[in-house]
Each structure stands twice: as C-alpha cells, then as structure tokens.
Protein backbone atom coordinates (compact mmCIF):
# COMPACT_ATOMS: atom_id res chain seq x y z
CA UNK A 1 11.85 24.70 6.74
CA UNK A 2 14.81 23.64 8.84
CA UNK A 3 17.96 25.74 8.93
CA UNK A 4 20.05 22.59 9.29
CA UNK A 5 21.88 20.91 6.41
CA UNK A 6 21.42 17.33 5.25
CA UNK A 7 24.46 15.91 7.05
CA UNK A 8 23.48 17.57 10.35
CA UNK A 9 19.90 16.29 10.10
CA UNK A 10 20.94 12.71 9.31
CA UNK A 11 23.40 12.76 12.20
CA UNK A 12 20.72 14.15 14.54
CA UNK A 13 18.22 11.45 13.51
CA UNK A 14 20.82 8.77 14.03
CA UNK A 15 21.50 10.07 17.56
CA UNK A 16 17.96 10.73 18.76
CA UNK A 17 15.74 8.49 16.62
CA UNK A 18 15.31 4.74 17.11
CA UNK A 19 17.12 2.81 14.36
CA UNK A 20 14.14 0.85 13.05
CA UNK A 21 14.68 2.11 9.48
CA UNK A 22 17.64 2.17 7.12
CA UNK A 23 16.80 5.16 4.93
CA UNK A 24 18.58 6.11 1.75
CA UNK A 25 21.03 8.90 2.55
CA UNK A 26 18.99 11.84 1.35
CA UNK A 27 17.01 14.41 3.33
CA UNK A 28 13.76 15.69 1.82
CA UNK A 29 12.71 19.15 2.91
CA UNK A 30 10.39 20.23 0.10
CA UNK A 31 8.15 18.51 -2.46
CA UNK A 32 5.68 19.18 -5.25
CA UNK A 33 4.17 16.75 -7.75
CA UNK A 34 6.79 14.07 -8.42
CA UNK A 35 9.74 16.29 -7.45
CA UNK A 36 11.42 16.64 -4.06
CA UNK A 37 14.32 18.77 -2.81
CA UNK A 38 16.89 18.48 -0.06
CA UNK A 39 17.96 21.39 2.21
CA UNK A 40 20.79 22.21 -0.19
CA UNK A 41 18.36 22.63 -3.09
CA UNK A 42 19.25 19.42 -4.96
CA UNK A 43 16.20 18.09 -6.84
CA UNK A 44 15.19 14.45 -7.09
CA UNK A 45 12.44 12.52 -8.82
CA UNK A 46 10.34 10.53 -6.32
CA UNK A 47 10.06 6.93 -7.50
CA UNK A 48 8.58 5.53 -4.27
CA UNK A 49 5.56 7.76 -3.50
CA UNK A 50 5.92 7.03 0.22
CA UNK A 51 5.15 3.37 -0.53
CA UNK A 52 2.20 4.41 -2.75
CA UNK A 53 0.71 6.87 -0.26
CA UNK A 54 1.35 9.81 -2.61
CA UNK A 55 -0.45 8.55 -5.73
CA UNK A 56 -1.90 12.02 -6.37
CA UNK A 57 1.54 13.66 -6.21
CA UNK A 58 3.09 15.65 -3.39
CA UNK A 59 0.96 18.51 -2.07
CA UNK A 60 -1.75 18.29 -4.71
CA UNK A 61 -3.43 21.75 -4.70
CA UNK A 62 -6.96 20.40 -4.34
CA UNK A 63 -6.01 18.16 -1.40
CA UNK A 64 -4.01 20.88 0.34
CA UNK A 65 -6.94 23.29 -0.07
CA UNK A 66 -9.31 20.76 1.50
CA UNK A 67 -6.86 20.33 4.39
CA UNK A 68 -6.52 24.06 5.00
CA UNK A 69 -10.21 24.85 4.59
CA UNK A 70 -11.25 22.11 7.01
CA UNK A 71 -8.50 22.97 9.50
CA UNK A 72 -9.96 26.46 9.71
CA UNK A 73 -13.34 25.22 10.96
CA UNK A 74 -13.14 21.78 12.65
CA UNK A 75 -10.50 19.09 13.07
CA UNK A 76 -11.62 16.53 15.66
CA UNK A 77 -14.79 15.62 17.53
CA UNK A 78 -14.27 11.91 18.26
CA UNK A 79 -17.13 9.61 17.33
CA UNK A 80 -18.91 10.52 20.57
CA UNK A 81 -20.73 13.07 18.40
CA UNK A 82 -21.75 13.29 14.75
CA UNK A 83 -19.73 15.59 12.50
CA UNK A 84 -20.58 17.06 9.09
CA UNK A 85 -17.72 15.44 7.11
CA UNK A 86 -17.76 11.74 8.01
CA UNK A 87 -21.23 11.02 6.50
CA UNK A 88 -20.22 12.65 3.19
CA UNK A 89 -16.95 10.74 3.05
CA UNK A 90 -18.65 7.45 3.98
CA UNK A 91 -21.12 7.84 1.12
CA UNK A 92 -18.38 8.76 -1.36
CA UNK A 93 -16.22 5.78 -0.41
CA UNK A 94 -19.26 3.51 -0.50
CA UNK A 95 -19.93 4.68 -4.06
CA UNK A 96 -16.30 4.10 -5.08
CA UNK A 97 -16.07 0.61 -3.56
CA UNK A 98 -19.61 -0.54 -4.35
CA UNK A 99 -20.01 -1.63 -0.73
CA UNK A 100 -22.86 -0.64 1.57
CA UNK A 101 -20.91 0.34 4.69
CA UNK A 102 -17.58 1.89 5.64
CA UNK A 103 -15.65 1.59 8.90
CA UNK A 104 -12.97 4.32 9.21
CA UNK A 105 -9.61 4.04 10.94
CA UNK A 106 -6.25 5.81 10.62
CA UNK A 107 -3.33 3.61 9.64
CA UNK A 108 -3.18 0.65 7.29
CA UNK A 109 -2.34 -1.71 10.13
CA UNK A 110 -5.45 -0.56 12.00
CA UNK A 111 -7.54 -1.29 8.92
CA UNK A 112 -6.07 -4.81 8.67
CA UNK A 113 -6.72 -5.40 12.38
CA UNK A 114 -10.29 -4.20 11.81
CA UNK A 115 -10.71 -6.67 8.94
CA UNK A 116 -9.39 -9.49 11.13
CA UNK A 117 -11.80 -8.59 13.93
CA UNK A 118 -14.63 -8.38 11.40
CA UNK A 119 -13.93 -11.84 9.99
CA UNK A 120 -13.66 -13.39 13.44
CA UNK A 121 -16.81 -11.72 14.78
CA UNK A 122 -18.75 -12.66 11.64
CA UNK A 123 -17.47 -16.22 11.98
CA UNK A 124 -18.85 -16.55 15.49
CA UNK A 125 -22.11 -14.61 15.12
CA UNK A 126 -23.11 -15.51 11.57
CA UNK A 127 -21.30 -18.67 10.48
CA UNK A 128 -21.50 -20.28 13.90
CA UNK A 129 -17.87 -21.25 14.43
CA UNK A 130 -17.10 -22.51 17.93
CA UNK A 131 -15.96 -19.72 20.28
CA UNK A 132 -12.25 -18.81 20.03
CA UNK A 133 -11.63 -21.39 17.27
CA UNK A 134 -11.76 -19.09 14.21
CA UNK A 135 -9.00 -19.43 11.61
CA UNK A 136 -8.00 -17.07 8.81
CA UNK A 137 -5.97 -18.22 5.81
CA UNK A 138 -3.05 -15.93 4.90
CA UNK A 139 -0.09 -16.17 2.52
CA UNK A 140 3.67 -16.60 2.70
CA UNK A 141 5.74 -13.44 2.15
CA UNK A 142 2.77 -11.25 3.02
CA UNK A 143 3.08 -7.77 4.43
CA UNK A 144 0.00 -6.44 6.21
CA UNK A 145 1.53 -4.26 8.93
CA UNK A 146 3.51 -4.32 12.15
CA UNK A 147 1.17 -5.07 15.07
CA UNK A 148 1.82 -8.18 17.15
CA UNK A 149 -1.24 -9.91 15.71
CA UNK A 150 -0.23 -9.11 12.12
CA UNK A 151 3.41 -10.16 12.49
CA UNK A 152 2.11 -13.44 13.88
CA UNK A 153 1.50 -14.55 10.30
CA UNK A 154 4.60 -12.93 8.77
CA UNK A 155 7.40 -15.22 7.61
CA UNK A 156 10.00 -12.43 7.74
CA UNK A 157 12.34 -13.04 10.70
CA UNK A 158 13.12 -9.30 10.96
CA UNK A 159 9.42 -8.64 11.53
CA UNK A 160 8.90 -11.52 14.01
CA UNK A 161 12.03 -12.21 16.03
CA UNK A 162 11.75 -11.50 19.77
CA UNK A 163 8.17 -10.20 19.60
CA UNK A 164 6.34 -13.31 20.80
CA UNK A 165 4.14 -14.75 22.18
CA UNK A 166 1.98 -14.47 19.10
CA UNK A 167 -1.73 -14.49 18.32
CA UNK A 168 -3.21 -17.87 17.32
CA UNK A 169 -5.78 -18.41 14.59
CA UNK A 170 -3.85 -17.99 11.31
CA UNK A 171 -2.89 -20.59 8.72
CA UNK A 172 -0.08 -19.58 6.36
CA UNK A 173 -0.06 -21.12 2.87
CA UNK A 174 2.05 -20.46 -0.27
CA UNK A 175 1.00 -17.45 -2.35
CA UNK A 176 -0.55 -18.17 -5.75
CA UNK A 177 -1.37 -21.76 -4.76
CA UNK A 178 -5.12 -22.47 -4.85
CA UNK A 179 -4.65 -26.14 -3.99
CA UNK A 180 -2.92 -25.16 -0.75
CA UNK A 181 -5.81 -22.85 0.11
CA UNK A 182 -8.36 -25.62 -0.56
CA UNK A 183 -6.42 -27.97 1.68
CA UNK A 184 -6.23 -25.40 4.52
CA UNK A 185 -10.00 -24.83 4.70
CA UNK A 186 -11.78 -26.53 7.60
CA UNK A 187 -14.92 -26.03 9.70
CA UNK A 188 -13.22 -23.25 11.71
CA UNK A 189 -12.07 -21.20 8.72
CA UNK A 190 -13.81 -17.82 8.64
CA UNK A 191 -11.88 -15.93 5.98
CA UNK A 192 -9.02 -15.46 3.54
CA UNK A 193 -6.77 -12.38 3.72
CA UNK A 194 -4.76 -11.61 0.59
CA UNK A 195 -2.77 -8.92 -1.18
CA UNK A 196 -3.80 -8.83 -4.88
CA UNK A 197 -0.14 -8.08 -5.60
CA UNK A 198 2.48 -8.60 -2.90
CA UNK A 199 4.23 -5.24 -2.73
CA UNK A 200 6.81 -5.63 0.03
CA UNK A 201 7.65 -9.12 -1.18
CA UNK A 202 8.99 -7.50 -4.36
CA UNK A 203 5.93 -6.68 -6.48
CA UNK A 204 4.91 -10.34 -6.87
CA UNK A 205 2.00 -10.60 -9.33
CA UNK A 206 -0.02 -13.83 -9.00
CA UNK A 207 -1.13 -15.99 -11.91
CA UNK A 208 -4.24 -15.00 -13.82
CA UNK A 209 -7.20 -16.63 -12.11
CA UNK A 210 -5.70 -16.75 -8.61
CA UNK A 211 -8.01 -14.13 -7.12
CA UNK A 212 -10.98 -15.57 -9.00
CA UNK A 213 -10.09 -18.96 -7.55
CA UNK A 214 -9.97 -17.53 -4.03
CA UNK A 215 -13.41 -16.03 -4.55
CA UNK A 216 -14.74 -19.42 -5.68
CA UNK A 217 -13.26 -21.17 -2.63
CA UNK A 218 -14.70 -18.50 -0.33
CA UNK A 219 -18.20 -18.80 -1.81
CA UNK A 220 -18.17 -22.58 -1.77
CA UNK A 221 -17.09 -22.74 1.88
CA UNK A 222 -18.99 -19.73 3.28
CA UNK A 223 -15.86 -17.69 4.01
CA UNK A 224 -15.16 -13.96 3.85
CA UNK A 225 -12.59 -12.88 1.25
CA UNK A 226 -10.66 -9.78 2.40
CA UNK A 227 -8.34 -8.01 -0.05
CA UNK A 228 -5.60 -5.78 1.31
CA UNK A 229 -5.54 -2.88 -1.16
CA UNK A 230 -3.55 -0.56 1.09
CA UNK A 231 -0.63 -0.38 -1.35
CA UNK A 232 -2.31 -1.54 -4.56
CA UNK A 233 -5.51 0.49 -4.27
CA UNK A 234 -6.54 3.89 -5.57
CA UNK A 235 -5.31 3.58 -9.15
CA UNK A 236 -1.76 2.34 -8.45
CA UNK A 237 -2.05 -0.77 -10.67
CA UNK A 238 -4.11 0.70 -13.51
CA UNK A 239 -7.53 0.06 -11.93
CA UNK A 240 -9.18 1.77 -8.98
CA UNK A 241 -8.46 -1.45 -7.05
CA UNK A 242 -6.16 -4.26 -8.12
CA UNK A 243 -8.82 -6.94 -7.57
CA UNK A 244 -10.75 -5.39 -10.48
CA UNK A 245 -8.22 -6.89 -12.90
CA UNK A 246 -9.98 -10.22 -12.28
CA UNK A 247 -13.49 -8.85 -11.89
CA UNK A 248 -14.07 -10.34 -8.44
CA UNK A 249 -16.30 -9.03 -5.66
CA UNK A 250 -14.46 -9.41 -2.34
CA UNK A 251 -16.39 -9.28 0.91
CA UNK A 252 -14.01 -6.82 2.57
CA UNK A 253 -11.84 -4.16 0.94
CA UNK A 254 -8.99 -2.86 3.12
CA UNK A 255 -7.73 0.63 2.26
CA UNK A 256 -5.15 3.15 3.45
CA UNK A 257 -2.08 5.01 2.16
CA UNK A 258 -3.27 7.01 -0.90
CA UNK A 259 -6.69 7.46 0.72
CA UNK A 260 -4.98 10.20 2.76
CA UNK A 261 -3.62 11.91 -0.36
CA UNK A 262 -0.08 11.99 1.00
CA UNK A 263 -1.22 14.42 3.69
CA UNK A 264 -2.31 12.37 6.71
CA UNK A 265 -3.04 8.76 7.69
CA UNK A 266 -6.54 7.72 6.65
CA UNK A 267 -7.68 4.11 6.39
CA UNK A 268 -10.92 2.17 6.21
CA UNK A 269 -12.55 -1.10 5.39
CA UNK A 270 -15.60 -1.43 3.15
CA UNK A 271 -18.11 -4.29 3.24
CA UNK A 272 -21.83 -4.92 2.93
CA UNK A 273 -24.24 -4.62 5.84
CA UNK A 274 -24.49 -8.38 6.35
CA UNK A 275 -20.80 -8.25 7.31
CA UNK A 276 -20.26 -4.91 9.05
CA UNK A 277 -23.48 -5.03 11.05
CA UNK A 278 -21.74 -7.49 13.39
CA UNK A 279 -20.33 -4.38 15.10
CA UNK A 280 -22.50 -2.73 17.73
CA UNK A 281 -21.72 0.44 19.72
CA UNK A 282 -18.72 -0.08 21.97
CA UNK A 283 -17.40 -3.20 20.23
CA UNK A 284 -14.74 -1.46 18.09
CA UNK A 285 -13.60 2.09 17.51
CA UNK A 286 -10.95 4.78 17.18
CA UNK A 287 -10.75 8.30 18.60
CA UNK A 288 -9.38 9.73 15.36
CA UNK A 289 -11.13 7.35 12.95
CA UNK A 290 -13.61 9.33 10.84
CA UNK A 291 -12.34 12.68 12.12
CA UNK A 292 -13.55 15.64 10.03
CA UNK A 293 -10.07 16.75 8.93
CA UNK A 294 -9.20 13.27 7.65
CA UNK A 295 -12.58 12.88 5.96
CA UNK A 296 -12.26 16.20 4.10
CA UNK A 297 -8.75 15.28 2.94
CA UNK A 298 -9.73 11.74 1.90
CA UNK A 299 -12.77 12.98 0.03
CA UNK A 300 -10.61 15.40 -1.97
CA UNK A 301 -8.04 12.64 -2.52
CA UNK A 302 -10.71 10.43 -4.12
CA UNK A 303 -11.93 13.32 -6.28
CA UNK A 304 -8.44 13.88 -7.66
CA UNK A 305 -8.03 10.20 -8.57
CA UNK A 306 -11.32 10.21 -10.47
CA UNK A 307 -11.16 13.66 -12.08
CA UNK A 308 -7.60 13.23 -13.34
CA UNK A 309 -8.26 9.65 -14.54
CA UNK A 310 -5.22 8.40 -12.67
CA UNK A 311 -6.17 4.72 -13.09
CA UNK A 312 -6.06 5.02 -16.88
CA UNK A 313 -2.89 7.08 -16.64
CA UNK A 314 -1.24 4.45 -14.43
CA UNK A 315 -2.18 1.63 -16.82
CA UNK A 316 -0.76 3.42 -19.86
CA UNK A 317 2.40 4.85 -18.31
CA UNK A 318 3.14 1.72 -16.28
CA UNK A 319 3.32 -0.38 -19.43
CA UNK A 320 5.47 2.29 -21.08
CA UNK A 321 7.83 2.41 -18.08
CA UNK A 322 8.18 -1.38 -17.82
CA UNK A 323 8.85 -1.74 -21.55
CA UNK A 324 11.45 1.02 -21.28
CA UNK A 325 13.32 -0.83 -18.53
CA UNK A 326 13.11 -4.14 -20.40
CA UNK A 327 14.43 -2.46 -23.56
CA UNK A 328 17.67 -1.63 -21.73
CA UNK A 329 18.56 -5.34 -21.90
CA UNK A 330 20.89 -4.90 -18.95
CA UNK A 331 22.74 -8.11 -18.00
CA UNK A 332 22.22 -7.09 -14.37
CA UNK A 333 18.41 -7.20 -14.63
CA UNK A 334 16.80 -10.63 -14.37
CA UNK A 335 13.13 -9.67 -14.58
CA UNK A 336 10.77 -6.68 -14.72
CA UNK A 337 7.27 -7.28 -13.35
CA UNK A 338 4.29 -5.35 -12.11
CA UNK A 339 0.95 -3.80 -12.94
CA UNK A 340 0.37 -0.15 -13.70
CA UNK A 341 2.93 2.03 -11.94
CA UNK A 342 3.79 -0.60 -9.33
CA UNK A 343 6.96 -2.06 -10.81
CA UNK A 344 9.54 -4.48 -9.43
CA UNK A 345 12.97 -4.87 -11.03
CA UNK A 346 14.55 -8.16 -9.97
CA UNK A 347 18.35 -8.27 -10.22
CA UNK A 348 20.63 -11.22 -10.81
CA UNK A 349 22.37 -12.01 -7.55
CA UNK A 350 25.69 -11.79 -9.36
CA UNK A 351 24.98 -8.08 -9.99
CA UNK A 352 25.33 -7.26 -6.29
CA UNK A 353 22.76 -6.08 -3.78
CA UNK A 354 19.99 -3.70 -4.79
CA UNK A 355 21.17 -1.07 -2.29
CA UNK A 356 24.21 -0.43 -4.51
CA UNK A 357 21.88 0.59 -7.33
CA UNK A 358 19.36 2.59 -5.30
CA UNK A 359 22.30 4.60 -3.93
CA UNK A 360 23.70 5.12 -7.45
CA UNK A 361 20.28 6.18 -8.74
CA UNK A 362 19.97 8.63 -5.83
CA UNK A 363 23.24 10.22 -6.90
CA UNK A 364 21.71 10.75 -10.34
CA UNK A 365 18.55 12.32 -8.91
CA UNK A 366 16.21 9.31 -8.79
CA UNK A 367 14.80 8.15 -5.45
CA UNK A 368 13.67 4.54 -5.21
CA UNK A 369 14.07 1.84 -2.57
CA UNK A 370 15.28 -1.73 -2.48
CA UNK A 371 13.02 -4.44 -1.12
CA UNK A 372 14.88 -7.50 0.10
CA UNK A 373 18.37 -7.78 -1.31
CA UNK A 374 17.79 -8.17 -5.03
CA UNK A 375 14.68 -6.17 -5.94
CA UNK A 376 14.14 -2.47 -6.67
CA UNK A 377 10.65 -1.00 -6.65
CA UNK A 378 9.66 1.85 -8.96
CA UNK A 379 6.33 3.42 -7.99
CA UNK A 380 6.25 7.14 -8.85
CA UNK A 381 3.27 9.40 -8.18
CA UNK A 382 0.61 8.71 -10.81
CA UNK A 383 0.77 12.31 -12.04
CA UNK A 384 4.16 11.60 -13.65
CA UNK A 385 4.40 12.44 -17.36
CA UNK A 386 5.79 10.37 -20.23
CA UNK A 387 8.59 12.93 -20.59
CA UNK A 388 9.51 12.50 -16.94
CA UNK A 389 9.53 8.72 -17.36
CA UNK A 390 11.92 9.18 -20.30
CA UNK A 391 14.17 11.24 -18.00
CA UNK A 392 14.03 8.47 -15.41
CA UNK A 393 14.84 5.81 -18.00
CA UNK A 394 17.94 7.76 -19.01
CA UNK A 395 19.16 7.74 -15.42
CA UNK A 396 18.34 4.04 -15.00
CA UNK A 397 20.28 3.31 -18.21
CA UNK A 398 23.31 5.24 -16.89
CA UNK A 399 23.35 3.02 -13.80
CA UNK A 400 22.47 -0.34 -15.33
CA UNK A 401 24.07 0.03 -18.77
CA UNK A 402 27.11 2.24 -18.21
CA UNK A 403 29.02 3.11 -21.35
CA UNK A 404 32.57 1.81 -21.00
CA UNK A 405 35.16 4.59 -21.04
CA UNK A 406 37.38 4.42 -24.09
CA UNK A 407 41.12 3.93 -23.56
C-alpha cells in the first residue's frame, strides 16, 4: 500500500497522468467484496464494479487463489506453443456460451475488433460479398470501445473529434428501431453489432422483441448477429447473458470485463465453427490472448458465477433495488430503468447535473458514476446482500429526499 494520502495521490495523478478521465474525488487503496477503502481508512460501498468488471466482488478468494497458484508455475507462453490452461478454459467457455469455438483476447475493445474482423472475413469468404465492400449495421449511442475503427461508428463527439480519418464500412441506425435496420440491409451487409442493453448510453433497455427481431432480420438476409455482452454479460442483468432474456441464439458473443474476475483483462468471442473457421494460422492473434494466467483466472471467475448463482441473485436483488429507488418518489428522479443489477437513474434536468449527486453520494460512502449529464448508474458487485442494498437506499434517500430542517 502507498504511504501517500488521498490528496497527495490525486495531485500526483493530475500532474503526471494524462487527463483522459474525470474521476470522482476518492482514492481507493484497498477492497474486499463490495467494500473499498481510501488511504485514510474511510470505507465506501462500490456501486460501479469497475463498469461491471467486478461482478464476483473485489478479490474473491477463489479467483485470487487461482491467480496466485497459476502465477507460481506459469504465466505466459504466447500462442507459439500450447499451454495446459487455454484448452481447459476454451472448453469451459464453450460450455457456458453453447458455442463450438472460442477466440481469446485481452481487452473488450480487442474482442469487438475481433468480432468485426470475423464478420468481414466471413462476409468475403462465405457469403461472397465483393472485396472491401462489407458493411456492418451498428446503433446510435453505442459504446463498443476506443480504437479508431470502433469510434468510427460512435456518435459521441468526445469519442470522435480530431481522431479521423475513420474506417469505412459501418452503417449507423437508431437503437430499438427494427424498421431502420431492415432499410439499412443491402447486398454488402455482413452483420449486425448490438449491445443488448446500452450501458454507457445510460442503461437503455430496448423494447421487448427488439433482439428477436434482429435475429429474424439476420437469418432472413444471411447476416451474422454479434452481441456485445462485455458489460451486460456474466450475470449482470439477471441471466448469464442479457440476450437470454429474449431467448435468441446470436452468431457471435463478445465478452470481457467480468470474465477476468476483477483481476486482469480477459476477453473473448464465441461462435460456431462455420464462423470462426474463417481464421487460419497467421491471420489474427494476440501475444497475451489465451495466456495461462488469464485462463486460470477466467476459469475460476466463471466457476464463482455459477456456483454462487449470481445470475439468480442479480435478478432478485436488482428488482428489489430498483423498486426501492422508485419508492423514494423523489421529485428529482424522472425514471429508473434497468435489468438485474444494471440500473440507470435518469434525473430531471431541472434537478441539476448528475455529478452533483454522485459527489454527494460519495460523501455519504456510496461510490457510483454519472453517465452523460443526467443519468446515474448503479451496478454493485453481484455478491451484495439485501441488507447492504437497504443501507445504500438509506444513503440515496438522504441525497434525493433530504428532510427539511425545522425552523
């Protein structure tokens, strides 16, 4: 642990670190379960889970043991050789996803890039689209990562400005609009890339039937449907994957964040052989993708999700949490939406910007983060208890429904 205090550390980061984030003014130096501490020993409840990367809770004992045990014997080989962990992890993730093959990477953005390359290569080799003409349909207000190719189809000026020229081949249509998707399909369309719930956009949940409709369009037009489950996957929304709420069978499942158990970056895509066999040796890869340390950690991370029934827990406690916020009947809150423990609280613009409230909640020991100016996301580790949610609701009530001081 650092011997520096919070103020010194924040000042040091501001001086030496690039200013590409605007963090809440709290320094975390220790964590366990849903609780974190700053260098001064102040305790906070984590309501962000590192953007859903810590679904299993901070430093889950089983995941930490897997990390330490594997670190003692082998950490990295590259894929130039076989190792004894990647095959076991590949089989486990294949079983969980119901897909025949897994392609491992490291970060979520790498997994999205891999899905894009897969759809394009499949389009040329299998569907027969004319060379360099492939198009992928994507959605307004998406967030899939930060690479130049991915920000090409972002509509957020902060993500795009001054980063061009951009990558061609993407058609952006409104989210939750099947008619717009139908209209965008043409002979060069090879796939559809979608978030089952748009997390960064403010926990935007589409209409019932939207994902099913996308699957229908994809089947009718011989397209690949890729679902980005990086933030929504691994039990966050009350199912192992959010697409399961509609019972669809996407062609490509994109995974990251909680796959690494809050310990290290691990990502992957899953698909059947008729899709992933478009890759041959040398056509795509990653030095660290499928490394034994990551595979051991990810395997333990999956075990925890299943053994502790975190999907069922998320479904039950998410509904309880959302109803608790709605019951406050705060005039500042316009809408509460979400699935499982992925919850967005939309404020009335007249209430002031969300940062005011995330700062106030921090002062009361609750760490959450604004997204855009008027939305607060609550997404605690899935190991949270009902009693801890009650504690959180008390703090939220103090901020959003303050009792007027008597004269």
